[in-house]
Amino acid sequence: MANHKATKKDVRQAAKRRERNRYNGKTTRNAIRDLKAISDKKGALEKLPSVESMIDKLAKRGVIHKNKAANLKSKLAKKVTALA
């Protein structure tokens, strides 16, 4: 453990950010799973923008890579448009 006051604060801040990032990442993964489970096109089209927004926020904050975010959004959009 660090001895400097500023380093101790940095450790606390990093822990707080890590918890926040884990929560947001898990929440987004659950939303993606729920979107994939929807079988009707209307419901999926309504939910898609909010899920894409969550993915964009993760990429903006650096939790996931921007290309991974783009790939996720692309795959979800393909899946939703393929629904009958």
N, C-alpha and C. Protein backbone atom coordinates (compact mmCIF):
# COMPACT_ATOMS: atom_id res chain seq x y z
N MET A 1 0.84 -1.19 0.00
CA MET A 1 0.00 0.00 0.00
C MET A 1 0.88 1.25 0.00
N ALA A 2 0.43 2.25 -0.69
CA ALA A 2 1.20 3.49 -0.81
C ALA A 2 1.17 4.28 0.50
N ASN A 3 2.19 5.11 0.66
CA ASN A 3 2.29 5.91 1.89
C ASN A 3 1.95 7.37 1.67
N HIS A 4 2.04 7.86 0.44
CA HIS A 4 1.77 9.26 0.18
C HIS A 4 0.26 9.51 0.16
N LYS A 5 -0.10 10.66 0.67
CA LYS A 5 -1.51 11.03 0.76
C LYS A 5 -2.18 11.03 -0.62
N ALA A 6 -1.50 11.62 -1.61
CA ALA A 6 -2.06 11.71 -2.96
C ALA A 6 -2.19 10.32 -3.60
N THR A 7 -1.25 9.44 -3.31
CA THR A 7 -1.29 8.09 -3.88
C THR A 7 -2.43 7.29 -3.26
N LYS A 8 -2.66 7.48 -1.99
CA LYS A 8 -3.78 6.80 -1.33
C LYS A 8 -5.10 7.26 -1.94
N LYS A 9 -5.20 8.57 -2.20
CA LYS A 9 -6.41 9.10 -2.84
C LYS A 9 -6.57 8.50 -4.23
N ASP A 10 -5.48 8.40 -4.98
CA ASP A 10 -5.53 7.83 -6.33
C ASP A 10 -6.00 6.38 -6.30
N VAL A 11 -5.58 5.64 -5.29
CA VAL A 11 -6.02 4.25 -5.14
C VAL A 11 -7.52 4.20 -4.89
N ARG A 12 -8.01 5.11 -4.03
CA ARG A 12 -9.45 5.16 -3.76
C ARG A 12 -10.22 5.51 -5.02
N GLN A 13 -9.74 6.50 -5.76
CA GLN A 13 -10.42 6.92 -6.99
C GLN A 13 -10.44 5.80 -8.02
N ALA A 14 -9.32 5.09 -8.15
CA ALA A 14 -9.23 4.00 -9.12
C ALA A 14 -10.22 2.89 -8.77
N ALA A 15 -10.35 2.59 -7.48
CA ALA A 15 -11.29 1.57 -7.04
C ALA A 15 -12.72 1.97 -7.36
N LYS A 16 -13.02 3.26 -7.14
CA LYS A 16 -14.36 3.77 -7.42
C LYS A 16 -14.67 3.67 -8.91
N ARG A 17 -13.70 4.08 -9.73
CA ARG A 17 -13.88 4.03 -11.19
C ARG A 17 -14.03 2.59 -11.67
N ARG A 18 -13.22 1.70 -11.10
CA ARG A 18 -13.27 0.28 -11.50
C ARG A 18 -14.65 -0.31 -11.22
N GLU A 19 -15.18 -0.02 -10.03
CA GLU A 19 -16.52 -0.51 -9.69
C GLU A 19 -17.57 0.05 -10.63
N ARG A 20 -17.48 1.35 -10.94
CA ARG A 20 -18.43 1.98 -11.84
C ARG A 20 -18.35 1.37 -13.23
N ASN A 21 -17.12 1.16 -13.71
CA ASN A 21 -16.93 0.57 -15.03
C ASN A 21 -17.45 -0.86 -15.09
N ARG A 22 -17.21 -1.62 -14.03
CA ARG A 22 -17.70 -3.01 -13.98
C ARG A 22 -19.22 -3.03 -14.00
N TYR A 23 -19.83 -2.13 -13.23
CA TYR A 23 -21.29 -2.08 -13.17
C TYR A 23 -21.87 -1.71 -14.55
N ASN A 24 -21.32 -0.65 -15.16
CA ASN A 24 -21.83 -0.22 -16.46
C ASN A 24 -21.60 -1.28 -17.53
N GLY A 25 -20.46 -1.95 -17.48
CA GLY A 25 -20.17 -2.99 -18.45
C GLY A 25 -21.12 -4.16 -18.31
N LYS A 26 -21.37 -4.58 -17.09
CA LYS A 26 -22.27 -5.71 -16.85
C LYS A 26 -23.70 -5.34 -17.23
N THR A 27 -24.12 -4.13 -16.90
CA THR A 27 -25.46 -3.68 -17.25
C THR A 27 -25.66 -3.67 -18.76
N THR A 28 -24.63 -3.22 -19.47
CA THR A 28 -24.70 -3.18 -20.94
C THR A 28 -24.75 -4.59 -21.51
N ARG A 29 -23.92 -5.49 -20.97
CA ARG A 29 -23.94 -6.88 -21.45
C ARG A 29 -25.31 -7.52 -21.23
N ASN A 30 -25.93 -7.23 -20.09
CA ASN A 30 -27.27 -7.75 -19.82
C ASN A 30 -28.29 -7.17 -20.81
N ALA A 31 -28.16 -5.88 -21.12
CA ALA A 31 -29.07 -5.25 -22.07
C ALA A 31 -28.91 -5.86 -23.46
N ILE A 32 -27.67 -6.15 -23.85
CA ILE A 32 -27.40 -6.79 -25.15
C ILE A 32 -28.04 -8.18 -25.18
N ARG A 33 -27.87 -8.92 -24.09
CA ARG A 33 -28.45 -10.27 -24.00
C ARG A 33 -29.97 -10.20 -24.11
N ASP A 34 -30.58 -9.24 -23.42
CA ASP A 34 -32.03 -9.10 -23.47
C ASP A 34 -32.50 -8.71 -24.87
N LEU A 35 -31.74 -7.85 -25.54
CA LEU A 35 -32.09 -7.44 -26.91
C LEU A 35 -32.01 -8.63 -27.85
N LYS A 36 -31.01 -9.46 -27.70
CA LYS A 36 -30.87 -10.64 -28.56
C LYS A 36 -32.01 -11.63 -28.33
N ALA A 37 -32.56 -11.64 -27.13
CA ALA A 37 -33.63 -12.58 -26.79
C ALA A 37 -34.99 -12.16 -27.34
N ILE A 38 -35.13 -10.88 -27.71
CA ILE A 38 -36.41 -10.39 -28.22
C ILE A 38 -36.66 -10.99 -29.60
N SER A 39 -37.87 -11.51 -29.80
CA SER A 39 -38.17 -12.18 -31.07
C SER A 39 -39.03 -11.33 -32.01
N ASP A 40 -39.68 -10.30 -31.50
CA ASP A 40 -40.49 -9.45 -32.39
C ASP A 40 -39.70 -8.21 -32.80
N LYS A 41 -39.85 -7.85 -34.05
CA LYS A 41 -39.04 -6.77 -34.62
C LYS A 41 -39.37 -5.42 -33.99
N LYS A 42 -40.65 -5.17 -33.72
CA LYS A 42 -41.06 -3.87 -33.18
C LYS A 42 -40.41 -3.61 -31.82
N GLY A 43 -40.45 -4.61 -30.95
CA GLY A 43 -39.85 -4.47 -29.63
C GLY A 43 -38.34 -4.29 -29.70
N ALA A 44 -37.72 -5.02 -30.61
CA ALA A 44 -36.27 -4.93 -30.76
C ALA A 44 -35.87 -3.56 -31.30
N LEU A 45 -36.64 -3.03 -32.25
CA LEU A 45 -36.33 -1.72 -32.81
C LEU A 45 -36.48 -0.61 -31.77
N GLU A 46 -37.40 -0.80 -30.82
CA GLU A 46 -37.58 0.20 -29.76
C GLU A 46 -36.41 0.17 -28.78
N LYS A 47 -35.88 -1.01 -28.51
CA LYS A 47 -34.83 -1.17 -27.52
C LYS A 47 -33.43 -0.90 -28.09
N LEU A 48 -33.28 -1.05 -29.40
CA LEU A 48 -31.96 -0.92 -30.03
C LEU A 48 -31.26 0.42 -29.76
N PRO A 49 -31.92 1.57 -29.90
CA PRO A 49 -31.21 2.84 -29.66
C PRO A 49 -30.65 2.98 -28.25
N SER A 50 -31.37 2.51 -27.25
CA SER A 50 -30.87 2.64 -25.88
C SER A 50 -29.66 1.74 -25.65
N VAL A 51 -29.68 0.55 -26.25
CA VAL A 51 -28.54 -0.36 -26.10
C VAL A 51 -27.32 0.19 -26.83
N GLU A 52 -27.55 0.75 -28.03
CA GLU A 52 -26.44 1.35 -28.77
C GLU A 52 -25.85 2.53 -28.01
N SER A 53 -26.69 3.28 -27.34
CA SER A 53 -26.23 4.41 -26.54
C SER A 53 -25.36 3.92 -25.39
N MET A 54 -25.76 2.84 -24.75
CA MET A 54 -24.97 2.28 -23.66
C MET A 54 -23.60 1.83 -24.16
N ILE A 55 -23.59 1.19 -25.32
CA ILE A 55 -22.33 0.72 -25.91
C ILE A 55 -21.43 1.91 -26.23
N ASP A 56 -22.01 2.98 -26.81
CA ASP A 56 -21.24 4.17 -27.14
C ASP A 56 -20.62 4.80 -25.89
N LYS A 57 -21.37 4.81 -24.80
CA LYS A 57 -20.86 5.39 -23.56
C LYS A 57 -19.67 4.60 -23.03
N LEU A 58 -19.74 3.26 -23.14
CA LEU A 58 -18.62 2.44 -22.70
C LEU A 58 -17.38 2.73 -23.53
N ALA A 59 -17.57 2.89 -24.84
CA ALA A 59 -16.44 3.17 -25.72
C ALA A 59 -15.87 4.56 -25.42
N LYS A 60 -16.75 5.52 -25.18
CA LYS A 60 -16.30 6.89 -24.90
C LYS A 60 -15.47 6.94 -23.62
N ARG A 61 -15.85 6.15 -22.64
CA ARG A 61 -15.15 6.15 -21.36
C ARG A 61 -13.93 5.24 -21.35
N GLY A 62 -13.73 4.49 -22.44
CA GLY A 62 -12.55 3.63 -22.53
C GLY A 62 -12.72 2.28 -21.87
N VAL A 63 -13.95 1.91 -21.54
CA VAL A 63 -14.18 0.61 -20.93
C VAL A 63 -14.02 -0.49 -21.99
N ILE A 64 -14.52 -0.22 -23.19
CA ILE A 64 -14.30 -1.11 -24.32
C ILE A 64 -13.69 -0.30 -25.47
N HIS A 65 -13.05 -0.99 -26.39
CA HIS A 65 -12.42 -0.32 -27.53
C HIS A 65 -13.49 0.18 -28.49
N LYS A 66 -13.20 1.27 -29.19
CA LYS A 66 -14.19 1.85 -30.09
C LYS A 66 -14.54 0.90 -31.24
N ASN A 67 -13.58 0.09 -31.69
CA ASN A 67 -13.88 -0.87 -32.76
C ASN A 67 -14.77 -2.00 -32.25
N LYS A 68 -14.57 -2.42 -31.01
CA LYS A 68 -15.44 -3.43 -30.43
C LYS A 68 -16.86 -2.90 -30.32
N ALA A 69 -16.98 -1.64 -29.94
CA ALA A 69 -18.30 -1.02 -29.86
C ALA A 69 -18.96 -1.01 -31.23
N ALA A 70 -18.20 -0.65 -32.25
CA ALA A 70 -18.74 -0.60 -33.61
C ALA A 70 -19.17 -1.99 -34.06
N ASN A 71 -18.36 -3.00 -33.75
CA ASN A 71 -18.70 -4.37 -34.13
C ASN A 71 -19.97 -4.85 -33.42
N LEU A 72 -20.08 -4.54 -32.13
CA LEU A 72 -21.27 -4.93 -31.37
C LEU A 72 -22.53 -4.29 -31.96
N LYS A 73 -22.45 -2.98 -32.22
CA LYS A 73 -23.60 -2.26 -32.76
C LYS A 73 -23.99 -2.79 -34.14
N SER A 74 -22.99 -3.10 -34.95
CA SER A 74 -23.26 -3.62 -36.28
C SER A 74 -23.96 -4.97 -36.21
N LYS A 75 -23.46 -5.85 -35.36
CA LYS A 75 -24.06 -7.19 -35.23
C LYS A 75 -25.49 -7.10 -34.69
N LEU A 76 -25.70 -6.21 -33.73
CA LEU A 76 -27.05 -6.05 -33.18
C LEU A 76 -28.01 -5.50 -34.23
N ALA A 77 -27.55 -4.53 -35.00
CA ALA A 77 -28.40 -3.95 -36.04
C ALA A 77 -28.76 -5.00 -37.08
N LYS A 78 -27.79 -5.82 -37.47
CA LYS A 78 -28.05 -6.89 -38.44
C LYS A 78 -29.09 -7.86 -37.89
N LYS A 79 -28.92 -8.24 -36.62
CA LYS A 79 -29.84 -9.20 -36.01
C LYS A 79 -31.26 -8.64 -35.94
N VAL A 80 -31.37 -7.35 -35.58
CA VAL A 80 -32.70 -6.73 -35.45
C VAL A 80 -33.37 -6.62 -36.81
N THR A 81 -32.62 -6.21 -37.83
CA THR A 81 -33.24 -6.05 -39.16
C THR A 81 -33.58 -7.40 -39.78
N ALA A 82 -32.91 -8.47 -39.34
CA ALA A 82 -33.20 -9.80 -39.89
C ALA A 82 -34.46 -10.41 -39.28
N LEU A 83 -34.94 -9.83 -38.18
CA LEU A 83 -36.15 -10.37 -37.56
C LEU A 83 -37.36 -10.21 -38.48
N ALA A 84 -38.25 -11.20 -38.44
CA ALA A 84 -39.42 -11.17 -39.31
C ALA A 84 -40.56 -10.43 -38.64
